[in-house]
Amino acid sequence: MCFCLLLMPKFYFPCRTICFLKANLIIMACMKKYLIPLSIAAVLSGCQSIYVPTLTEIPVNPVNTVKTEAPAKDFRLAPSHWTDVSKIRDEATRLSYQVSIGKMTKVQAAQYLNNFRKRLVGRNAVDDSMYEIYLRSAVDSQRGEINTEQSKLYIQNALRGWQQRWKNMDAKPNNPAFTNFLLEVMKMQPLK
């Protein structure tokens, strides 16, 4: 009995070649139904192997173990504060030049500046928060998602937020040098 009679009882194909071709066409039609979902599944199964960098910083033991928080009453900036701001500005200028000649990326420069800041003045909540904003802005700018003006506005908005919170903070850090450096660059009122 011909295979064609099983698949298509209305038609009788006496030739085996024709039967074979028709059977292959039926099998291919069935495969088409599953080919697209299988190819999509194959493509999506590789999604977990793509590395997407994160912007979170791994907590480490503080470099500067000197207490940098001071009570709101009788608050004074550290004696070296404005000198530290100047040193951060000089380092930022040096790194900016390295970026302009193509020796490093904006993100690398931001990371170098953060390491310099932590070695110089240690960590504090205000500077750590502003560094996260600064880094995110550098990453977005480097990816081409935002332009220089948008990056500047993003940082300025975060700085305005800290200026408002600063007045009511109970435990102000006594050396927010990185934040005051950014405020100086943006021509905004420094934290005092």
N, C-alpha and C. Protein backbone atom coordinates (compact mmCIF):
# COMPACT_ATOMS: atom_id res chain seq x y z
N MET A 1 0.85 -1.18 0.00
CA MET A 1 0.00 0.00 0.00
C MET A 1 0.89 1.23 0.00
N CYS A 2 0.48 2.22 -0.73
CA CYS A 2 1.27 3.43 -0.88
C CYS A 2 1.12 4.31 0.36
N PHE A 3 2.23 4.92 0.77
CA PHE A 3 2.25 5.83 1.91
C PHE A 3 1.33 7.03 1.68
N CYS A 4 1.20 7.44 0.44
CA CYS A 4 0.35 8.58 0.10
C CYS A 4 -1.11 8.31 0.44
N LEU A 5 -1.54 7.07 0.35
CA LEU A 5 -2.93 6.75 0.67
C LEU A 5 -3.22 6.97 2.15
N LEU A 6 -2.19 6.78 2.98
CA LEU A 6 -2.38 7.01 4.42
C LEU A 6 -2.47 8.50 4.72
N LEU A 7 -1.59 9.27 4.09
CA LEU A 7 -1.54 10.70 4.38
C LEU A 7 -2.61 11.48 3.65
N MET A 8 -2.82 11.14 2.40
CA MET A 8 -3.80 11.85 1.60
C MET A 8 -4.69 10.83 0.88
N PRO A 9 -5.73 10.34 1.52
CA PRO A 9 -6.53 9.29 0.92
C PRO A 9 -7.26 9.69 -0.35
N LYS A 10 -7.46 10.97 -0.58
CA LYS A 10 -8.17 11.39 -1.78
C LYS A 10 -7.30 11.26 -3.03
N PHE A 11 -5.97 11.28 -2.83
CA PHE A 11 -5.06 11.22 -3.96
C PHE A 11 -4.28 9.90 -3.94
N TYR A 12 -4.07 9.36 -5.11
CA TYR A 12 -3.29 8.14 -5.20
C TYR A 12 -2.10 8.44 -6.09
N PHE A 13 -0.90 8.24 -5.55
CA PHE A 13 0.32 8.47 -6.30
C PHE A 13 1.01 7.13 -6.51
N PRO A 14 0.98 6.62 -7.70
CA PRO A 14 1.57 5.32 -7.92
C PRO A 14 3.09 5.34 -7.89
N CYS A 15 3.68 6.45 -8.12
CA CYS A 15 5.14 6.52 -8.18
C CYS A 15 5.72 6.71 -6.79
N ARG A 16 6.72 5.94 -6.48
CA ARG A 16 7.35 6.05 -5.16
C ARG A 16 8.06 7.39 -4.96
N THR A 17 8.63 7.92 -5.99
CA THR A 17 9.34 9.20 -5.89
C THR A 17 8.39 10.31 -5.48
N ILE A 18 7.24 10.33 -6.11
CA ILE A 18 6.25 11.35 -5.78
C ILE A 18 5.78 11.16 -4.34
N CYS A 19 5.58 9.90 -3.93
CA CYS A 19 5.16 9.62 -2.54
C CYS A 19 6.21 10.11 -1.56
N PHE A 20 7.46 9.84 -1.88
CA PHE A 20 8.55 10.25 -1.00
C PHE A 20 8.60 11.76 -0.87
N LEU A 21 8.47 12.48 -1.99
CA LEU A 21 8.50 13.95 -1.98
C LEU A 21 7.33 14.51 -1.19
N LYS A 22 6.16 13.96 -1.36
CA LYS A 22 4.99 14.44 -0.63
C LYS A 22 5.15 14.19 0.87
N ALA A 23 5.69 13.05 1.23
CA ALA A 23 5.91 12.75 2.65
C ALA A 23 6.90 13.73 3.25
N ASN A 24 7.97 14.06 2.51
CA ASN A 24 8.96 15.04 2.99
C ASN A 24 8.34 16.42 3.14
N LEU A 25 7.49 16.81 2.21
CA LEU A 25 6.83 18.11 2.31
C LEU A 25 5.94 18.18 3.55
N ILE A 26 5.24 17.08 3.86
CA ILE A 26 4.38 17.06 5.04
C ILE A 26 5.22 17.15 6.31
N ILE A 27 6.33 16.44 6.33
CA ILE A 27 7.23 16.49 7.50
C ILE A 27 7.80 17.90 7.65
N MET A 28 8.22 18.53 6.54
CA MET A 28 8.76 19.88 6.60
C MET A 28 7.72 20.89 7.09
N ALA A 29 6.49 20.71 6.68
CA ALA A 29 5.42 21.61 7.12
C ALA A 29 5.23 21.50 8.63
N CYS A 30 5.31 20.28 9.15
CA CYS A 30 5.20 20.09 10.60
C CYS A 30 6.38 20.70 11.32
N MET A 31 7.58 20.60 10.73
CA MET A 31 8.77 21.16 11.37
C MET A 31 8.73 22.68 11.41
N LYS A 32 8.16 23.30 10.36
CA LYS A 32 8.06 24.76 10.34
C LYS A 32 7.27 25.28 11.53
N LYS A 33 6.32 24.51 11.95
CA LYS A 33 5.48 24.91 13.07
C LYS A 33 6.32 25.03 14.34
N TYR A 34 7.32 24.19 14.48
CA TYR A 34 8.14 24.17 15.68
C TYR A 34 9.49 24.87 15.50
N LEU A 35 9.87 25.19 14.28
CA LEU A 35 11.17 25.76 14.01
C LEU A 35 11.34 27.15 14.64
N ILE A 36 10.36 28.01 14.50
CA ILE A 36 10.45 29.36 15.05
C ILE A 36 10.52 29.34 16.58
N PRO A 37 9.62 28.63 17.28
CA PRO A 37 9.75 28.61 18.75
C PRO A 37 11.07 28.00 19.22
N LEU A 38 11.56 26.97 18.51
CA LEU A 38 12.83 26.36 18.91
C LEU A 38 14.00 27.31 18.69
N SER A 39 13.99 28.07 17.59
CA SER A 39 15.07 29.02 17.34
C SER A 39 15.03 30.16 18.34
N ILE A 40 13.84 30.62 18.71
CA ILE A 40 13.71 31.66 19.73
C ILE A 40 14.24 31.16 21.07
N ALA A 41 13.90 29.93 21.42
CA ALA A 41 14.38 29.35 22.67
C ALA A 41 15.90 29.23 22.66
N ALA A 42 16.48 28.87 21.53
CA ALA A 42 17.93 28.75 21.43
C ALA A 42 18.61 30.11 21.60
N VAL A 43 18.04 31.13 20.98
CA VAL A 43 18.62 32.48 21.09
C VAL A 43 18.51 32.98 22.53
N LEU A 44 17.35 32.82 23.14
CA LEU A 44 17.15 33.33 24.49
C LEU A 44 17.95 32.56 25.54
N SER A 45 18.28 31.34 25.26
CA SER A 45 19.05 30.56 26.25
C SER A 45 20.45 31.12 26.43
N GLY A 46 20.94 31.88 25.48
CA GLY A 46 22.26 32.48 25.59
C GLY A 46 22.26 33.81 26.31
N CYS A 47 21.10 34.34 26.68
CA CYS A 47 21.02 35.67 27.30
C CYS A 47 21.73 35.73 28.65
N GLN A 48 21.79 34.63 29.36
CA GLN A 48 22.43 34.67 30.67
C GLN A 48 23.94 34.77 30.57
N SER A 49 24.51 34.49 29.42
CA SER A 49 25.95 34.54 29.28
C SER A 49 26.46 35.94 28.95
N ILE A 50 25.57 36.91 28.73
CA ILE A 50 25.98 38.28 28.42
C ILE A 50 26.31 38.98 29.72
N TYR A 51 27.49 39.62 29.79
CA TYR A 51 27.91 40.34 30.98
C TYR A 51 27.39 41.77 30.91
N VAL A 52 26.67 42.17 31.92
CA VAL A 52 26.20 43.54 32.03
C VAL A 52 26.81 44.12 33.30
N PRO A 53 27.69 45.14 33.16
CA PRO A 53 28.33 45.68 34.36
C PRO A 53 27.32 46.38 35.26
N THR A 54 27.56 46.29 36.55
CA THR A 54 26.68 46.95 37.52
C THR A 54 27.41 48.14 38.12
N LEU A 55 26.65 49.03 38.67
CA LEU A 55 27.23 50.24 39.23
C LEU A 55 27.36 50.18 40.75
N THR A 56 27.07 49.04 41.34
CA THR A 56 27.16 48.95 42.78
C THR A 56 28.61 48.77 43.19
N GLU A 57 28.94 49.33 44.29
CA GLU A 57 30.30 49.26 44.80
C GLU A 57 30.35 48.24 45.92
N ILE A 58 31.36 47.39 45.89
CA ILE A 58 31.51 46.38 46.92
C ILE A 58 32.04 47.05 48.17
N PRO A 59 31.36 46.85 49.32
CA PRO A 59 31.85 47.49 50.54
C PRO A 59 33.21 46.93 50.94
N VAL A 60 34.09 47.81 51.30
CA VAL A 60 35.42 47.42 51.77
C VAL A 60 35.68 48.10 53.10
N ASN A 61 36.71 47.65 53.77
CA ASN A 61 37.08 48.32 55.01
C ASN A 61 37.50 49.75 54.67
N PRO A 62 37.06 50.72 55.44
CA PRO A 62 37.38 52.11 55.13
C PRO A 62 38.89 52.35 55.14
N VAL A 63 39.34 53.17 54.18
CA VAL A 63 40.76 53.51 54.10
C VAL A 63 41.12 54.45 55.24
N ASN A 64 40.27 55.42 55.49
CA ASN A 64 40.51 56.41 56.53
C ASN A 64 39.64 56.04 57.72
N THR A 65 40.26 55.62 58.81
CA THR A 65 39.50 55.18 59.97
C THR A 65 39.20 56.31 60.94
N VAL A 66 39.63 57.53 60.60
CA VAL A 66 39.33 58.68 61.44
C VAL A 66 37.85 58.99 61.33
N LYS A 67 37.21 59.28 62.47
CA LYS A 67 35.78 59.58 62.45
C LYS A 67 35.55 60.87 61.67
N THR A 68 34.72 60.77 60.61
CA THR A 68 34.48 61.93 59.75
C THR A 68 33.10 62.54 59.96
N GLU A 69 32.31 62.00 60.86
CA GLU A 69 30.99 62.55 61.13
C GLU A 69 31.10 63.46 62.36
N ALA A 70 30.39 64.56 62.31
CA ALA A 70 30.41 65.49 63.44
C ALA A 70 28.98 65.86 63.78
N PRO A 71 28.70 66.11 65.07
CA PRO A 71 27.35 66.54 65.41
C PRO A 71 27.01 67.88 64.77
N ALA A 72 25.71 68.12 64.56
CA ALA A 72 25.26 69.34 63.89
C ALA A 72 25.62 70.59 64.70
N LYS A 73 25.57 70.50 66.03
CA LYS A 73 25.94 71.65 66.86
C LYS A 73 27.44 71.88 66.74
N ASP A 74 27.82 73.12 66.70
CA ASP A 74 29.23 73.49 66.62
C ASP A 74 29.93 72.81 65.44
N PHE A 75 29.24 72.67 64.34
CA PHE A 75 29.82 71.99 63.17
C PHE A 75 30.87 72.86 62.51
N ARG A 76 31.97 72.22 62.16
CA ARG A 76 33.03 72.89 61.41
C ARG A 76 33.60 71.91 60.40
N LEU A 77 33.93 72.44 59.25
CA LEU A 77 34.60 71.62 58.25
C LEU A 77 36.02 71.31 58.74
N ALA A 78 36.56 70.21 58.29
CA ALA A 78 37.92 69.83 58.66
C ALA A 78 38.90 70.93 58.25
N PRO A 79 39.96 71.13 59.02
CA PRO A 79 40.93 72.18 58.68
C PRO A 79 41.53 72.02 57.27
N SER A 80 41.65 70.77 56.83
CA SER A 80 42.25 70.52 55.51
C SER A 80 41.22 70.49 54.39
N HIS A 81 39.96 70.81 54.70
CA HIS A 81 38.88 70.62 53.74
C HIS A 81 39.13 71.33 52.40
N TRP A 82 39.39 72.62 52.42
CA TRP A 82 39.52 73.37 51.16
C TRP A 82 40.80 72.99 50.42
N THR A 83 41.82 72.57 51.16
CA THR A 83 43.04 72.05 50.52
C THR A 83 42.72 70.73 49.82
N ASP A 84 41.90 69.89 50.48
CA ASP A 84 41.50 68.61 49.88
C ASP A 84 40.66 68.83 48.62
N VAL A 85 39.77 69.81 48.67
CA VAL A 85 38.96 70.14 47.49
C VAL A 85 39.88 70.53 46.33
N SER A 86 40.90 71.33 46.63
CA SER A 86 41.86 71.76 45.62
C SER A 86 42.64 70.57 45.04
N LYS A 87 43.03 69.64 45.89
CA LYS A 87 43.76 68.45 45.43
C LYS A 87 42.87 67.58 44.54
N ILE A 88 41.60 67.45 44.90
CA ILE A 88 40.66 66.68 44.07
C ILE A 88 40.47 67.38 42.72
N ARG A 89 40.39 68.70 42.73
CA ARG A 89 40.25 69.47 41.49
C ARG A 89 41.47 69.24 40.59
N ASP A 90 42.67 69.29 41.18
CA ASP A 90 43.89 69.07 40.39
C ASP A 90 43.92 67.67 39.78
N GLU A 91 43.53 66.67 40.58
CA GLU A 91 43.51 65.29 40.08
C GLU A 91 42.45 65.14 38.98
N ALA A 92 41.31 65.77 39.15
CA ALA A 92 40.25 65.71 38.13
C ALA A 92 40.72 66.36 36.83
N THR A 93 41.45 67.45 36.94
CA THR A 93 42.00 68.12 35.75
C THR A 93 42.98 67.21 35.02
N ARG A 94 43.84 66.55 35.80
CA ARG A 94 44.81 65.63 35.21
C ARG A 94 44.10 64.47 34.50
N LEU A 95 43.09 63.91 35.16
CA LEU A 95 42.34 62.79 34.57
C LEU A 95 41.55 63.23 33.35
N SER A 96 41.02 64.44 33.38
CA SER A 96 40.28 64.97 32.24
C SER A 96 41.18 65.06 31.01
N TYR A 97 42.41 65.45 31.23
CA TYR A 97 43.37 65.52 30.13
C TYR A 97 43.64 64.11 29.57
N GLN A 98 43.78 63.13 30.47
CA GLN A 98 44.01 61.75 30.04
C GLN A 98 42.84 61.24 29.18
N VAL A 99 41.62 61.62 29.55
CA VAL A 99 40.44 61.24 28.76
C VAL A 99 40.48 61.93 27.40
N SER A 100 40.84 63.21 27.39
CA SER A 100 40.83 63.97 26.13
C SER A 100 41.84 63.45 25.12
N ILE A 101 42.95 62.87 25.58
CA ILE A 101 43.94 62.33 24.63
C ILE A 101 43.72 60.84 24.37
N GLY A 102 42.67 60.28 24.98
CA GLY A 102 42.30 58.90 24.70
C GLY A 102 43.04 57.83 25.49
N LYS A 103 43.72 58.23 26.55
CA LYS A 103 44.46 57.25 27.36
C LYS A 103 43.57 56.48 28.32
N MET A 104 42.38 57.04 28.62
CA MET A 104 41.42 56.35 29.48
C MET A 104 40.02 56.83 29.14
N THR A 105 39.04 56.05 29.59
CA THR A 105 37.64 56.41 29.34
C THR A 105 37.13 57.29 30.47
N LYS A 106 35.94 57.86 30.26
CA LYS A 106 35.31 58.68 31.30
C LYS A 106 35.04 57.86 32.55
N VAL A 107 34.61 56.62 32.36
CA VAL A 107 34.30 55.76 33.50
C VAL A 107 35.57 55.44 34.28
N GLN A 108 36.65 55.13 33.58
CA GLN A 108 37.92 54.86 34.26
C GLN A 108 38.38 56.09 35.03
N ALA A 109 38.24 57.26 34.43
CA ALA A 109 38.63 58.49 35.11
C ALA A 109 37.80 58.70 36.37
N ALA A 110 36.50 58.43 36.29
CA ALA A 110 35.63 58.57 37.47
C ALA A 110 36.07 57.61 38.58
N GLN A 111 36.43 56.39 38.20
CA GLN A 111 36.86 55.40 39.19
C GLN A 111 38.21 55.79 39.80
N TYR A 112 39.14 56.29 38.99
CA TYR A 112 40.41 56.76 39.52
C TYR A 112 40.21 57.92 40.48
N LEU A 113 39.32 58.84 40.11
CA LEU A 113 39.06 60.00 40.97
C LEU A 113 38.44 59.56 42.29
N ASN A 114 37.58 58.57 42.25
CA ASN A 114 36.98 58.06 43.48
C ASN A 114 38.04 57.42 44.38
N ASN A 115 38.93 56.63 43.80
CA ASN A 115 40.00 56.02 44.60
C ASN A 115 40.90 57.09 45.21
N PHE A 116 41.20 58.12 44.43
CA PHE A 116 41.99 59.24 44.94
C PHE A 116 41.27 59.91 46.11
N ARG A 117 39.98 60.15 45.93
CA ARG A 117 39.16 60.78 46.98
C ARG A 117 39.15 59.96 48.26
N LYS A 118 39.00 58.64 48.14
CA LYS A 118 38.95 57.78 49.33
C LYS A 118 40.29 57.75 50.05
N ARG A 119 41.39 57.76 49.28
CA ARG A 119 42.72 57.79 49.92
C ARG A 119 42.95 59.14 50.61
N LEU A 120 42.46 60.21 50.01
CA LEU A 120 42.72 61.55 50.52
C LEU A 120 41.87 61.89 51.75
N VAL A 121 40.56 61.69 51.67
CA VAL A 121 39.68 62.14 52.75
C VAL A 121 38.85 61.02 53.38
N GLY A 122 38.92 59.82 52.83
CA GLY A 122 38.10 58.74 53.38
C GLY A 122 36.70 58.78 52.79
N ARG A 123 35.85 57.95 53.36
CA ARG A 123 34.47 57.84 52.85
C ARG A 123 33.51 58.54 53.79
N ASN A 124 32.45 59.08 53.22
CA ASN A 124 31.34 59.62 54.01
C ASN A 124 30.08 59.50 53.16
N ALA A 125 28.94 59.58 53.79
CA ALA A 125 27.66 59.33 53.12
C ALA A 125 27.40 60.30 51.97
N VAL A 126 27.74 61.55 52.15
CA VAL A 126 27.47 62.56 51.12
C VAL A 126 28.34 62.32 49.89
N ASP A 127 29.64 62.18 50.10
CA ASP A 127 30.54 61.96 48.97
C ASP A 127 30.29 60.61 48.29
N ASP A 128 29.99 59.58 49.08
CA ASP A 128 29.71 58.28 48.47
C ASP A 128 28.47 58.36 47.58
N SER A 129 27.45 59.06 48.05
CA SER A 129 26.23 59.22 47.26
C SER A 129 26.50 60.01 45.99
N MET A 130 27.25 61.08 46.09
CA MET A 130 27.54 61.90 44.92
C MET A 130 28.45 61.17 43.94
N TYR A 131 29.34 60.32 44.46
CA TYR A 131 30.18 59.54 43.54
C TYR A 131 29.32 58.58 42.72
N GLU A 132 28.32 57.95 43.35
CA GLU A 132 27.44 57.04 42.62
C GLU A 132 26.74 57.77 41.48
N ILE A 133 26.27 58.98 41.74
CA ILE A 133 25.63 59.80 40.71
C ILE A 133 26.64 60.17 39.62
N TYR A 134 27.83 60.57 40.04
CA TYR A 134 28.90 60.96 39.12
C TYR A 134 29.28 59.79 38.21
N LEU A 135 29.41 58.61 38.79
CA LEU A 135 29.77 57.42 38.02
C LEU A 135 28.65 57.05 37.05
N ARG A 136 27.41 57.05 37.53
CA ARG A 136 26.27 56.72 36.66
C ARG A 136 26.21 57.69 35.48
N SER A 137 26.47 58.95 35.76
CA SER A 137 26.48 59.96 34.70
C SER A 137 27.59 59.68 33.69
N ALA A 138 28.77 59.29 34.18
CA ALA A 138 29.89 58.97 33.29
C ALA A 138 29.58 57.75 32.43
N VAL A 139 28.97 56.73 33.04
CA VAL A 139 28.62 55.51 32.31
C VAL A 139 27.59 55.83 31.22
N ASP A 140 26.54 56.55 31.57
CA ASP A 140 25.50 56.89 30.60
C ASP A 140 26.06 57.77 29.47
N SER A 141 26.94 58.68 29.84
CA SER A 141 27.56 59.56 28.84
C SER A 141 28.45 58.76 27.90
N GLN A 142 29.23 57.86 28.47
CA GLN A 142 30.13 57.04 27.65
C GLN A 142 29.36 56.12 26.72
N ARG A 143 28.21 55.63 27.15
CA ARG A 143 27.37 54.79 26.30
C ARG A 143 26.65 55.58 25.22
N GLY A 144 26.65 56.90 25.36
CA GLY A 144 25.95 57.75 24.39
C GLY A 144 24.48 57.92 24.71
N GLU A 145 24.06 57.51 25.91
CA GLU A 145 22.65 57.63 26.29
C GLU A 145 22.27 59.05 26.67
N ILE A 146 23.27 59.81 27.17
CA ILE A 146 23.02 61.22 27.51
C ILE A 146 24.18 62.05 26.96
N ASN A 147 23.92 63.34 26.73
CA ASN A 147 24.98 64.22 26.27
C ASN A 147 25.59 64.95 27.46
N THR A 148 26.56 65.80 27.20
CA THR A 148 27.27 66.50 28.28
C THR A 148 26.33 67.38 29.09
N GLU A 149 25.42 68.07 28.41
CA GLU A 149 24.48 68.95 29.11
C GLU A 149 23.55 68.16 30.02
N GLN A 150 23.06 67.02 29.55
CA GLN A 150 22.19 66.17 30.38
C GLN A 150 22.96 65.61 31.57
N SER A 151 24.20 65.25 31.36
CA SER A 151 25.05 64.74 32.44
C SER A 151 25.23 65.81 33.52
N LYS A 152 25.48 67.03 33.07
CA LYS A 152 25.66 68.15 33.99
C LYS A 152 24.37 68.40 34.80
N LEU A 153 23.22 68.37 34.14
CA LEU A 153 21.94 68.58 34.83
C LEU A 153 21.67 67.48 35.85
N TYR A 154 22.02 66.26 35.49
CA TYR A 154 21.84 65.11 36.38
C TYR A 154 22.63 65.30 37.67
N ILE A 155 23.88 65.72 37.54
CA ILE A 155 24.74 65.95 38.71
C ILE A 155 24.24 67.17 39.49
N GLN A 156 23.86 68.23 38.80
CA GLN A 156 23.37 69.43 39.49
C GLN A 156 22.12 69.14 40.31
N ASN A 157 21.22 68.34 39.80
CA ASN A 157 20.00 68.00 40.55
C ASN A 157 20.35 67.24 41.83
N ALA A 158 21.28 66.33 41.74
CA ALA A 158 21.70 65.59 42.94
C ALA A 158 22.37 66.53 43.94
N LEU A 159 23.17 67.45 43.44
CA LEU A 159 23.84 68.42 44.33
C LEU A 159 22.81 69.32 45.02
N ARG A 160 21.79 69.74 44.29
CA ARG A 160 20.73 70.56 44.91
C ARG A 160 20.04 69.80 46.04
N GLY A 161 19.84 68.51 45.80
CA GLY A 161 19.24 67.67 46.85
C GLY A 161 20.08 67.65 48.10
N TRP A 162 21.40 67.51 47.94
CA TRP A 162 22.28 67.52 49.12
C TRP A 162 22.34 68.89 49.77
N GLN A 163 22.26 69.96 48.99
CA GLN A 163 22.24 71.30 49.59
C GLN A 163 21.02 71.47 50.48
N GLN A 164 19.87 70.93 50.06
CA GLN A 164 18.66 71.04 50.86
C GLN A 164 18.74 70.17 52.12
N ARG A 165 19.26 68.95 51.97
CA ARG A 165 19.35 68.04 53.12
C ARG A 165 20.40 68.49 54.13
N TRP A 166 21.45 69.15 53.64
CA TRP A 166 22.58 69.53 54.48
C TRP A 166 22.14 70.37 55.67
N LYS A 167 21.20 71.27 55.44
CA LYS A 167 20.76 72.18 56.51
C LYS A 167 20.15 71.44 57.69
N ASN A 168 19.51 70.30 57.43
CA ASN A 168 18.80 69.56 58.48
C ASN A 168 19.50 68.28 58.93
N MET A 169 20.70 68.04 58.46
CA MET A 169 21.41 66.81 58.82
C MET A 169 21.88 66.88 60.28
N ASP A 170 21.69 65.79 60.99
CA ASP A 170 22.16 65.72 62.37
C ASP A 170 23.66 65.43 62.43
N ALA A 171 24.11 64.48 61.64
CA ALA A 171 25.53 64.10 61.65
C ALA A 171 26.13 64.43 60.29
N LYS A 172 26.68 65.63 60.19
CA LYS A 172 27.28 66.06 58.92
C LYS A 172 28.72 65.58 58.84
N PRO A 173 29.14 65.06 57.69
CA PRO A 173 30.56 64.71 57.56
C PRO A 173 31.38 65.99 57.55
N ASN A 174 32.54 65.96 58.21
CA ASN A 174 33.32 67.19 58.33
C ASN A 174 34.23 67.45 57.13
N ASN A 175 34.24 66.53 56.16
CA ASN A 175 35.08 66.77 54.98
C ASN A 175 34.41 66.22 53.71
N PRO A 176 33.28 66.85 53.29
CA PRO A 176 32.64 66.42 52.03
C PRO A 176 33.36 67.04 50.83
N ALA A 177 34.65 66.74 50.71
CA ALA A 177 35.51 67.40 49.72
C ALA A 177 35.07 67.10 48.28
N PHE A 178 34.70 65.87 47.99
CA PHE A 178 34.30 65.52 46.63
C PHE A 178 33.03 66.27 46.23
N THR A 179 32.07 66.34 47.15
CA THR A 179 30.82 67.05 46.87
C THR A 179 31.08 68.53 46.69
N ASN A 180 31.91 69.12 47.54
CA ASN A 180 32.21 70.54 47.39
C ASN A 180 33.03 70.81 46.12
N PHE A 181 33.85 69.85 45.70
CA PHE A 181 34.54 69.97 44.42
C PHE A 181 33.52 70.05 43.28
N LEU A 182 32.53 69.14 43.30
CA LEU A 182 31.50 69.15 42.26
C LEU A 182 30.68 70.44 42.31
N LEU A 183 30.36 70.90 43.52
CA LEU A 183 29.61 72.15 43.65
C LEU A 183 30.42 73.32 43.08
N GLU A 184 31.72 73.30 43.31
CA GLU A 184 32.59 74.35 42.78
C GLU A 184 32.62 74.31 41.24
N VAL A 185 32.74 73.12 40.69
CA VAL A 185 32.77 72.96 39.23
C VAL A 185 31.46 73.44 38.61
N MET A 186 30.35 73.15 39.28
CA MET A 186 29.03 73.55 38.77
C MET A 186 28.65 74.97 39.13
N LYS A 187 29.58 75.68 39.80
CA LYS A 187 29.36 77.07 40.21
C LYS A 187 28.12 77.19 41.12
N MET A 188 28.07 76.30 42.11
CA MET A 188 26.97 76.29 43.06
C MET A 188 27.53 76.57 44.45
N GLN A 189 26.65 76.91 45.38
CA GLN A 189 27.03 77.22 46.76
C GLN A 189 27.57 75.96 47.45
N PRO A 190 28.76 76.03 48.08
CA PRO A 190 29.32 74.84 48.73
C PRO A 190 28.60 74.51 50.04
N LEU A 191 28.79 73.28 50.49
CA LEU A 191 28.27 72.85 51.79
C LEU A 191 29.21 73.42 52.85
N LYS A 192 28.62 74.07 53.86
CA LYS A 192 29.45 74.67 54.93
C LYS A 192 28.96 74.23 56.27
